[in-house]
């Protein structure tokens, strides 16, 4: 099976997912980096949302991860510190793709003979032509128990709303965001001391990366489930506004 990954630039979480995926699945043929959240123009928005303390810690952590990424070019470290670094570590081609639905890019995927598309925080919706392209379909790893907490930053929203648990979902993709039949899900308890960072690490990274590999194995064997989402309990969340951040902090939560 020939696997194409769609993702975005990240230093903290996605490289760890890719390290395991590329170790367990030697049939990843390419990793596409699509323009996403980590862009200089978004810095002010994150500063307002996170506050000076958490934003400063995040910037320091990012600097350390970039040093780790530079060091990984000279020596083999225990893990990767960027998406490109994870691709380099696994010997998988990595490319920057501006628009995943562009006709020229679709033609390249056909030439590549892609059998399965795997989305890990891909910031663009897949159109009908792209969804129909791989023989085994398209799947996505989401950091919540779909159909609850569709949308962005689910680990923030479950903390802001005082949930006792969350989870991760691997689902079949369709033209709607975080929609389509469920393939696999796992629940994760939320701890009193959890921050957004710690919760993403324990859920989407530590649990989710293994769930994703399990899901791909099921797809390859033709044994992958398709459980329709119960849309009666669906909820969708977008970028947090000031009121949501206040509710989040009122519960004693932090980003880092």
C-alpha atoms as a PDB file:
ATOM      1  CA  UNK A   1       0.000   0.000   0.000  1.00  0.00           C
ATOM      2  CA  UNK A   2       1.286   3.491  -0.867  1.00  0.00           C
ATOM      3  CA  UNK A   3       0.455   6.081   1.789  1.00  0.00           C
ATOM      4  CA  UNK A   4       0.387   9.856   1.285  1.00  0.00           C
ATOM      5  CA  UNK A   5       0.373  12.063   4.407  1.00  0.00           C
ATOM      6  CA  UNK A   6      -1.148  15.566   4.506  1.00  0.00           C
ATOM      7  CA  UNK A   7      -0.177  17.730   7.478  1.00  0.00           C
ATOM      8  CA  UNK A   8       1.096  21.180   8.445  1.00  0.00           C
ATOM      9  CA  UNK A   9       4.299  22.585   9.927  1.00  0.00           C
ATOM     10  CA  UNK A  10       4.622  21.782  13.640  1.00  0.00           C
ATOM     11  CA  UNK A  11       7.420  21.263  16.131  1.00  0.00           C
ATOM     12  CA  UNK A  12       5.702  19.838  19.199  1.00  0.00           C
ATOM     13  CA  UNK A  13       3.241  17.083  18.288  1.00  0.00           C
ATOM     14  CA  UNK A  14       3.049  16.022  14.651  1.00  0.00           C
ATOM     15  CA  UNK A  15       6.747  15.050  14.379  1.00  0.00           C
ATOM     16  CA  UNK A  16       6.242  12.486  17.164  1.00  0.00           C
ATOM     17  CA  UNK A  17       3.221  11.044  15.395  1.00  0.00           C
ATOM     18  CA  UNK A  18       5.148  10.840  12.132  1.00  0.00           C
ATOM     19  CA  UNK A  19       8.143   9.169  13.784  1.00  0.00           C
ATOM     20  CA  UNK A  20       6.004   6.223  14.844  1.00  0.00           C
ATOM     21  CA  UNK A  21       3.963   6.152  11.640  1.00  0.00           C
ATOM     22  CA  UNK A  22       7.049   6.048   9.403  1.00  0.00           C
ATOM     23  CA  UNK A  23       8.730   3.475  11.647  1.00  0.00           C
ATOM     24  CA  UNK A  24       5.741   1.120  11.571  1.00  0.00           C
ATOM     25  CA  UNK A  25       4.637   1.820   8.001  1.00  0.00           C
ATOM     26  CA  UNK A  26       7.502   1.730   5.523  1.00  0.00           C
ATOM     27  CA  UNK A  27       5.012   2.397   2.728  1.00  0.00           C
ATOM     28  CA  UNK A  28       4.631   6.131   3.412  1.00  0.00           C
ATOM     29  CA  UNK A  29       5.665   7.511   0.014  1.00  0.00           C
ATOM     30  CA  UNK A  30       5.424  11.266   0.688  1.00  0.00           C
ATOM     31  CA  UNK A  31       4.638  13.849   3.378  1.00  0.00           C
ATOM     32  CA  UNK A  32       2.970  17.051   2.184  1.00  0.00           C
ATOM     33  CA  UNK A  33       3.239  20.183   4.351  1.00  0.00           C
ATOM     34  CA  UNK A  34       0.221  22.427   3.761  1.00  0.00           C
ATOM     35  CA  UNK A  35       0.172  26.091   4.969  1.00  0.00           C
ATOM     36  CA  UNK A  36      -1.333  26.078   8.464  1.00  0.00           C
ATOM     37  CA  UNK A  37      -1.312  27.753  11.871  1.00  0.00           C
ATOM     38  CA  UNK A  38       2.446  28.233  12.425  1.00  0.00           C
ATOM     39  CA  UNK A  39       2.902  31.408  10.401  1.00  0.00           C
ATOM     40  CA  UNK A  40       4.476  34.694  11.583  1.00  0.00           C
ATOM     41  CA  UNK A  41       1.258  36.610  10.914  1.00  0.00           C
ATOM     42  CA  UNK A  42      -0.562  34.557  13.567  1.00  0.00           C
ATOM     43  CA  UNK A  43       1.798  35.494  16.435  1.00  0.00           C
ATOM     44  CA  UNK A  44      -0.325  38.380  17.709  1.00  0.00           C
ATOM     45  CA  UNK A  45      -3.453  36.255  17.778  1.00  0.00           C
ATOM     46  CA  UNK A  46      -1.697  33.564  19.806  1.00  0.00           C
ATOM     47  CA  UNK A  47      -0.242  36.136  22.215  1.00  0.00           C
ATOM     48  CA  UNK A  48      -3.722  37.514  22.932  1.00  0.00           C
ATOM     49  CA  UNK A  49      -5.156  34.046  23.414  1.00  0.00           C
ATOM     50  CA  UNK A  50      -2.339  32.467  25.449  1.00  0.00           C
ATOM     51  CA  UNK A  51      -1.231  35.453  27.508  1.00  0.00           C
ATOM     52  CA  UNK A  52       2.332  36.666  27.983  1.00  0.00           C
ATOM     53  CA  UNK A  53       3.474  33.834  30.271  1.00  0.00           C
ATOM     54  CA  UNK A  54       2.308  30.869  28.193  1.00  0.00           C
ATOM     55  CA  UNK A  55       3.192  32.543  24.895  1.00  0.00           C
ATOM     56  CA  UNK A  56       6.751  33.252  26.118  1.00  0.00           C
ATOM     57  CA  UNK A  57       7.198  29.659  27.239  1.00  0.00           C
ATOM     58  CA  UNK A  58       5.905  28.448  23.878  1.00  0.00           C
ATOM     59  CA  UNK A  59       8.353  30.678  21.980  1.00  0.00           C
ATOM     60  CA  UNK A  60      11.235  29.385  24.117  1.00  0.00           C
ATOM     61  CA  UNK A  61      10.132  25.797  23.501  1.00  0.00           C
ATOM     62  CA  UNK A  62       9.928  26.485  19.771  1.00  0.00           C
ATOM     63  CA  UNK A  63      13.470  27.851  19.771  1.00  0.00           C
ATOM     64  CA  UNK A  64      14.705  24.721  21.557  1.00  0.00           C
ATOM     65  CA  UNK A  65      12.897  22.499  19.063  1.00  0.00           C
ATOM     66  CA  UNK A  66      14.493  24.365  16.173  1.00  0.00           C
ATOM     67  CA  UNK A  67      17.911  23.838  17.718  1.00  0.00           C
ATOM     68  CA  UNK A  68      17.041  20.153  18.077  1.00  0.00           C
ATOM     69  CA  UNK A  69      16.022  20.059  14.420  1.00  0.00           C
ATOM     70  CA  UNK A  70      19.348  21.589  13.393  1.00  0.00           C
ATOM     71  CA  UNK A  71      21.236  19.100  15.571  1.00  0.00           C
ATOM     72  CA  UNK A  72      19.324  16.203  13.992  1.00  0.00           C
ATOM     73  CA  UNK A  73      20.958  17.028  10.656  1.00  0.00           C
ATOM     74  CA  UNK A  74      24.322  16.089  12.158  1.00  0.00           C
ATOM     75  CA  UNK A  75      23.421  13.262  14.563  1.00  0.00           C
ATOM     76  CA  UNK A  76      20.594  10.815  15.186  1.00  0.00           C
ATOM     77  CA  UNK A  77      18.491  12.006  18.098  1.00  0.00           C
ATOM     78  CA  UNK A  78      15.789  10.023  19.948  1.00  0.00           C
ATOM     79  CA  UNK A  79      12.999  11.821  18.071  1.00  0.00           C
ATOM     80  CA  UNK A  80      12.253  14.444  15.447  1.00  0.00           C
ATOM     81  CA  UNK A  81      11.659  18.149  16.092  1.00  0.00           C
ATOM     82  CA  UNK A  82       9.900  19.195  12.883  1.00  0.00           C
ATOM     83  CA  UNK A  83       7.709  17.641  10.211  1.00  0.00           C
ATOM     84  CA  UNK A  84      10.518  17.967   7.664  1.00  0.00           C
ATOM     85  CA  UNK A  85      12.881  16.433  10.215  1.00  0.00           C
ATOM     86  CA  UNK A  86      10.592  13.436  10.681  1.00  0.00           C
ATOM     87  CA  UNK A  87      10.509  12.934   6.915  1.00  0.00           C
ATOM     88  CA  UNK A  88      14.289  13.252   6.733  1.00  0.00           C
ATOM     89  CA  UNK A  89      14.756  10.781   9.596  1.00  0.00           C
ATOM     90  CA  UNK A  90      12.577   8.193   7.828  1.00  0.00           C
ATOM     91  CA  UNK A  91      13.994   8.846   4.360  1.00  0.00           C
ATOM     92  CA  UNK A  92      10.550   9.877   3.081  1.00  0.00           C
ATOM     93  CA  UNK A  93      10.188  12.643   0.458  1.00  0.00           C
ATOM     94  CA  UNK A  94       8.716  15.851   1.869  1.00  0.00           C
ATOM     95  CA  UNK A  95       7.078  18.605  -0.169  1.00  0.00           C
ATOM     96  CA  UNK A  96       5.330  21.923   0.450  1.00  0.00           C
ATOM     97  CA  UNK A  97       1.897  21.981  -1.182  1.00  0.00           C
ATOM     98  CA  UNK A  98      -0.021  25.258  -1.424  1.00  0.00           C
ATOM     99  CA  UNK A  99      -3.368  23.729  -2.486  1.00  0.00           C
ATOM    100  CA  UNK A 100      -4.087  20.035  -2.079  1.00  0.00           C
ATOM    101  CA  UNK A 101      -7.018  20.180  -4.510  1.00  0.00           C
ATOM    102  CA  UNK A 102      -5.061  21.803  -7.355  1.00  0.00           C
ATOM    103  CA  UNK A 103      -5.318  19.857 -10.611  1.00  0.00           C
ATOM    104  CA  UNK A 104      -1.561  19.678 -11.080  1.00  0.00           C
ATOM    105  CA  UNK A 105      -1.094  18.234  -7.615  1.00  0.00           C
ATOM    106  CA  UNK A 106      -3.877  15.694  -8.121  1.00  0.00           C
ATOM    107  CA  UNK A 107      -2.091  14.549 -11.278  1.00  0.00           C
ATOM    108  CA  UNK A 108       1.116  14.039  -9.271  1.00  0.00           C
ATOM    109  CA  UNK A 109      -0.741  11.925  -6.722  1.00  0.00           C
ATOM    110  CA  UNK A 110      -2.142   9.747  -9.506  1.00  0.00           C
ATOM    111  CA  UNK A 111       1.330   9.298 -10.971  1.00  0.00           C
ATOM    112  CA  UNK A 112       2.549   8.381  -7.494  1.00  0.00           C
ATOM    113  CA  UNK A 113      -0.061   5.624  -7.283  1.00  0.00           C
ATOM    114  CA  UNK A 114      -1.362   6.691  -3.869  1.00  0.00           C
ATOM    115  CA  UNK A 115      -3.591   4.056  -2.225  1.00  0.00           C
ATOM    116  CA  UNK A 116      -4.424   5.831   1.051  1.00  0.00           C
ATOM    117  CA  UNK A 117      -4.357   9.468   2.166  1.00  0.00           C
ATOM    118  CA  UNK A 118      -3.720  10.123   5.862  1.00  0.00           C
ATOM    119  CA  UNK A 119      -4.541  13.563   7.267  1.00  0.00           C
ATOM    120  CA  UNK A 120      -2.871  14.735  10.480  1.00  0.00           C
ATOM    121  CA  UNK A 121      -4.092  18.287  11.172  1.00  0.00           C
ATOM    122  CA  UNK A 122      -4.287  19.083   7.472  1.00  0.00           C
ATOM    123  CA  UNK A 123      -5.592  22.686   7.380  1.00  0.00           C
ATOM    124  CA  UNK A 124      -7.405  22.392   4.035  1.00  0.00           C
ATOM    125  CA  UNK A 125     -10.613  20.554   3.163  1.00  0.00           C
ATOM    126  CA  UNK A 126     -10.269  17.736   0.642  1.00  0.00           C
ATOM    127  CA  UNK A 127     -12.510  18.112  -2.402  1.00  0.00           C
ATOM    128  CA  UNK A 128     -14.553  15.348  -3.993  1.00  0.00           C
ATOM    129  CA  UNK A 129     -11.976  14.585  -6.685  1.00  0.00           C
ATOM    130  CA  UNK A 130      -9.165  14.221  -4.156  1.00  0.00           C
ATOM    131  CA  UNK A 131     -11.288  12.131  -1.781  1.00  0.00           C
ATOM    132  CA  UNK A 132     -12.054   9.705  -4.614  1.00  0.00           C
ATOM    133  CA  UNK A 133      -8.445   9.463  -5.804  1.00  0.00           C
ATOM    134  CA  UNK A 134      -6.862   6.831  -3.477  1.00  0.00           C
ATOM    135  CA  UNK A 135      -8.147   3.272  -3.832  1.00  0.00           C
ATOM    136  CA  UNK A 136      -8.458   2.809  -0.054  1.00  0.00           C
ATOM    137  CA  UNK A 137      -9.883   6.256   0.704  1.00  0.00           C
ATOM    138  CA  UNK A 138      -8.835   9.066   3.038  1.00  0.00           C
ATOM    139  CA  UNK A 139      -8.635   8.999   6.839  1.00  0.00           C
ATOM    140  CA  UNK A 140      -8.026  11.692   9.453  1.00  0.00           C
ATOM    141  CA  UNK A 141      -6.703  11.709  13.025  1.00  0.00           C
ATOM    142  CA  UNK A 142      -8.734  14.078  15.234  1.00  0.00           C
ATOM    143  CA  UNK A 143      -8.034  14.974  18.872  1.00  0.00           C
ATOM    144  CA  UNK A 144     -11.531  14.421  20.289  1.00  0.00           C
ATOM    145  CA  UNK A 145     -14.346  11.874  20.375  1.00  0.00           C
ATOM    146  CA  UNK A 146     -16.217  12.784  17.205  1.00  0.00           C
ATOM    147  CA  UNK A 147     -18.819  13.926  16.442  1.00  0.00           C
ATOM    148  CA  UNK A 148     -18.396  15.983  19.637  1.00  0.00           C
ATOM    149  CA  UNK A 149     -15.797  18.739  19.407  1.00  0.00           C
ATOM    150  CA  UNK A 150     -15.512  18.954  15.665  1.00  0.00           C
ATOM    151  CA  UNK A 151     -13.375  21.860  14.490  1.00  0.00           C
ATOM    152  CA  UNK A 152     -10.117  23.339  15.775  1.00  0.00           C
ATOM    153  CA  UNK A 153      -8.342  23.220  19.163  1.00  0.00           C
ATOM    154  CA  UNK A 154     -10.478  20.445  20.691  1.00  0.00           C
ATOM    155  CA  UNK A 155      -8.042  20.025  23.606  1.00  0.00           C
ATOM    156  CA  UNK A 156      -8.569  23.671  24.529  1.00  0.00           C
ATOM    157  CA  UNK A 157     -12.342  23.416  24.301  1.00  0.00           C
ATOM    158  CA  UNK A 158     -12.718  20.275  26.435  1.00  0.00           C
ATOM    159  CA  UNK A 159     -10.717  22.006  29.190  1.00  0.00           C
ATOM    160  CA  UNK A 160     -12.642  25.265  28.836  1.00  0.00           C
ATOM    161  CA  UNK A 161     -15.936  23.359  29.094  1.00  0.00           C
ATOM    162  CA  UNK A 162     -14.890  21.325  32.138  1.00  0.00           C
ATOM    163  CA  UNK A 163     -15.095  17.890  30.526  1.00  0.00           C
ATOM    164  CA  UNK A 164     -13.952  14.885  32.581  1.00  0.00           C
ATOM    165  CA  UNK A 165     -12.671  12.979  29.560  1.00  0.00           C
ATOM    166  CA  UNK A 166     -11.846  13.346  25.904  1.00  0.00           C
ATOM    167  CA  UNK A 167     -10.244  11.062  23.349  1.00  0.00           C
ATOM    168  CA  UNK A 168      -9.052  10.604  19.801  1.00  0.00           C
ATOM    169  CA  UNK A 169     -10.780   9.509  16.622  1.00  0.00           C
ATOM    170  CA  UNK A 170      -9.621   8.112  13.311  1.00  0.00           C
ATOM    171  CA  UNK A 171     -12.407   8.625  10.789  1.00  0.00           C
ATOM    172  CA  UNK A 172     -13.103   8.300   7.103  1.00  0.00           C
ATOM    173  CA  UNK A 173     -13.051  11.712   5.453  1.00  0.00           C
ATOM    174  CA  UNK A 174     -15.732  13.373   3.364  1.00  0.00           C
ATOM    175  CA  UNK A 175     -16.172  16.936   2.117  1.00  0.00           C
ATOM    176  CA  UNK A 176     -17.272  18.236   5.542  1.00  0.00           C
ATOM    177  CA  UNK A 177     -14.789  19.072   8.305  1.00  0.00           C
ATOM    178  CA  UNK A 178     -14.279  16.318  10.916  1.00  0.00           C
ATOM    179  CA  UNK A 179     -17.173  14.391   9.418  1.00  0.00           C
ATOM    180  CA  UNK A 180     -17.555  10.902   7.948  1.00  0.00           C
ATOM    181  CA  UNK A 181     -17.820   7.413   9.409  1.00  0.00           C
ATOM    182  CA  UNK A 182     -15.758   6.559  12.484  1.00  0.00           C
ATOM    183  CA  UNK A 183     -13.019   3.982  12.025  1.00  0.00           C
ATOM    184  CA  UNK A 184     -11.550   3.835  15.552  1.00  0.00           C
ATOM    185  CA  UNK A 185     -11.867   5.795  18.799  1.00  0.00           C
ATOM    186  CA  UNK A 186     -10.182   5.761  22.215  1.00  0.00           C
ATOM    187  CA  UNK A 187     -11.144   7.657  25.367  1.00  0.00           C
ATOM    188  CA  UNK A 188      -8.620   9.568  27.499  1.00  0.00           C
ATOM    189  CA  UNK A 189      -9.251  10.844  31.028  1.00  0.00           C
ATOM    190  CA  UNK A 190      -8.603  14.528  31.714  1.00  0.00           C
ATOM    191  CA  UNK A 191      -6.394  15.092  34.766  1.00  0.00           C
ATOM    192  CA  UNK A 192      -6.764  18.022  37.203  1.00  0.00           C
ATOM    193  CA  UNK A 193      -3.320  19.358  36.301  1.00  0.00           C
ATOM    194  CA  UNK A 194      -3.712  19.029  32.533  1.00  0.00           C
ATOM    195  CA  UNK A 195      -2.748  21.922  30.306  1.00  0.00           C
ATOM    196  CA  UNK A 196      -3.586  22.089  26.610  1.00  0.00           C
ATOM    197  CA  UNK A 197      -0.028  20.962  25.897  1.00  0.00           C
ATOM    198  CA  UNK A 198      -0.063  17.986  28.275  1.00  0.00           C
ATOM    199  CA  UNK A 199      -3.487  16.874  27.083  1.00  0.00           C
ATOM    200  CA  UNK A 200      -2.494  16.941  23.403  1.00  0.00           C
ATOM    201  CA  UNK A 201       0.617  14.916  24.255  1.00  0.00           C
ATOM    202  CA  UNK A 202      -1.341  12.285  26.202  1.00  0.00           C
ATOM    203  CA  UNK A 203      -4.254  12.060  23.779  1.00  0.00           C
ATOM    204  CA  UNK A 204      -3.463  12.885  20.170  1.00  0.00           C
ATOM    205  CA  UNK A 205       0.235  11.973  20.396  1.00  0.00           C
ATOM    206  CA  UNK A 206       0.621   9.074  22.832  1.00  0.00           C
ATOM    207  CA  UNK A 207      -2.748   7.425  22.156  1.00  0.00           C
ATOM    208  CA  UNK A 208      -3.535   8.829  18.729  1.00  0.00           C
ATOM    209  CA  UNK A 209      -0.352   7.805  16.938  1.00  0.00           C
ATOM    210  CA  UNK A 210      -0.838   4.156  17.917  1.00  0.00           C
ATOM    211  CA  UNK A 211      -4.526   4.337  17.009  1.00  0.00           C
ATOM    212  CA  UNK A 212      -3.592   5.720  13.590  1.00  0.00           C
ATOM    213  CA  UNK A 213      -1.172   2.869  12.894  1.00  0.00           C
ATOM    214  CA  UNK A 214      -3.816   0.368  14.021  1.00  0.00           C
ATOM    215  CA  UNK A 215      -6.373   1.990  11.718  1.00  0.00           C
ATOM    216  CA  UNK A 216      -4.037   1.826   8.708  1.00  0.00           C
ATOM    217  CA  UNK A 217      -3.364  -1.842   9.371  1.00  0.00           C
ATOM    218  CA  UNK A 218      -7.119  -2.478   9.394  1.00  0.00           C
ATOM    219  CA  UNK A 219      -7.550  -0.569   6.137  1.00  0.00           C
ATOM    220  CA  UNK A 220      -4.824  -2.635   4.504  1.00  0.00           C
ATOM    221  CA  UNK A 221      -6.498  -5.883   5.602  1.00  0.00           C
ATOM    222  CA  UNK A 222      -9.902  -4.724   4.381  1.00  0.00           C
ATOM    223  CA  UNK A 223     -11.227  -4.957   7.928  1.00  0.00           C
ATOM    224  CA  UNK A 224     -11.608  -1.259   8.805  1.00  0.00           C
ATOM    225  CA  UNK A 225     -14.958  -0.400  10.462  1.00  0.00           C
ATOM    226  CA  UNK A 226     -17.312   2.310   9.208  1.00  0.00           C
ATOM    227  CA  UNK A 227     -19.494   3.453  12.088  1.00  0.00           C
ATOM    228  CA  UNK A 228     -21.802   6.370  11.186  1.00  0.00           C
ATOM    229  CA  UNK A 229     -21.437   9.388  13.463  1.00  0.00           C
ATOM    230  CA  UNK A 230     -24.405  10.199  15.672  1.00  0.00           C
ATOM    231  CA  UNK A 231     -24.939  13.759  14.471  1.00  0.00           C
ATOM    232  CA  UNK A 232     -27.588  14.335  17.144  1.00  0.00           C
ATOM    233  CA  UNK A 233     -24.729  14.810  19.648  1.00  0.00           C
ATOM    234  CA  UNK A 234     -22.399  16.682  17.295  1.00  0.00           C
ATOM    235  CA  UNK A 235     -20.778  19.952  18.360  1.00  0.00           C
ATOM    236  CA  UNK A 236     -18.468  22.276  16.459  1.00  0.00           C
ATOM    237  CA  UNK A 237     -15.923  24.765  17.825  1.00  0.00           C
ATOM    238  CA  UNK A 238     -13.835  27.379  16.076  1.00  0.00           C
ATOM    239  CA  UNK A 239     -11.035  29.702  17.205  1.00  0.00           C
ATOM    240  CA  UNK A 240     -11.474  30.633  20.908  1.00  0.00           C
ATOM    241  CA  UNK A 241     -12.854  34.094  21.605  1.00  0.00           C
ATOM    242  CA  UNK A 242     -12.100  36.189  24.707  1.00  0.00           C
ATOM    243  CA  UNK A 243     -15.046  34.743  26.639  1.00  0.00           C
ATOM    244  CA  UNK A 244     -13.872  31.190  26.007  1.00  0.00           C
ATOM    245  CA  UNK A 245     -10.343  32.040  27.174  1.00  0.00           C
ATOM    246  CA  UNK A 246     -11.753  33.615  30.354  1.00  0.00           C
ATOM    247  CA  UNK A 247     -13.798  30.456  31.041  1.00  0.00           C
ATOM    248  CA  UNK A 248     -10.705  28.361  30.410  1.00  0.00           C
ATOM    249  CA  UNK A 249      -8.621  30.372  32.888  1.00  0.00           C
ATOM    250  CA  UNK A 250     -11.444  30.466  35.438  1.00  0.00           C
ATOM    251  CA  UNK A 251     -11.106  26.690  35.653  1.00  0.00           C
ATOM    252  CA  UNK A 252      -7.417  27.103  36.514  1.00  0.00           C
ATOM    253  CA  UNK A 253      -6.224  25.844  33.139  1.00  0.00           C
ATOM    254  CA  UNK A 254      -3.121  26.893  31.237  1.00  0.00           C
ATOM    255  CA  UNK A 255      -1.926  26.387  27.693  1.00  0.00           C
ATOM    256  CA  UNK A 256       1.557  25.185  28.711  1.00  0.00           C
END
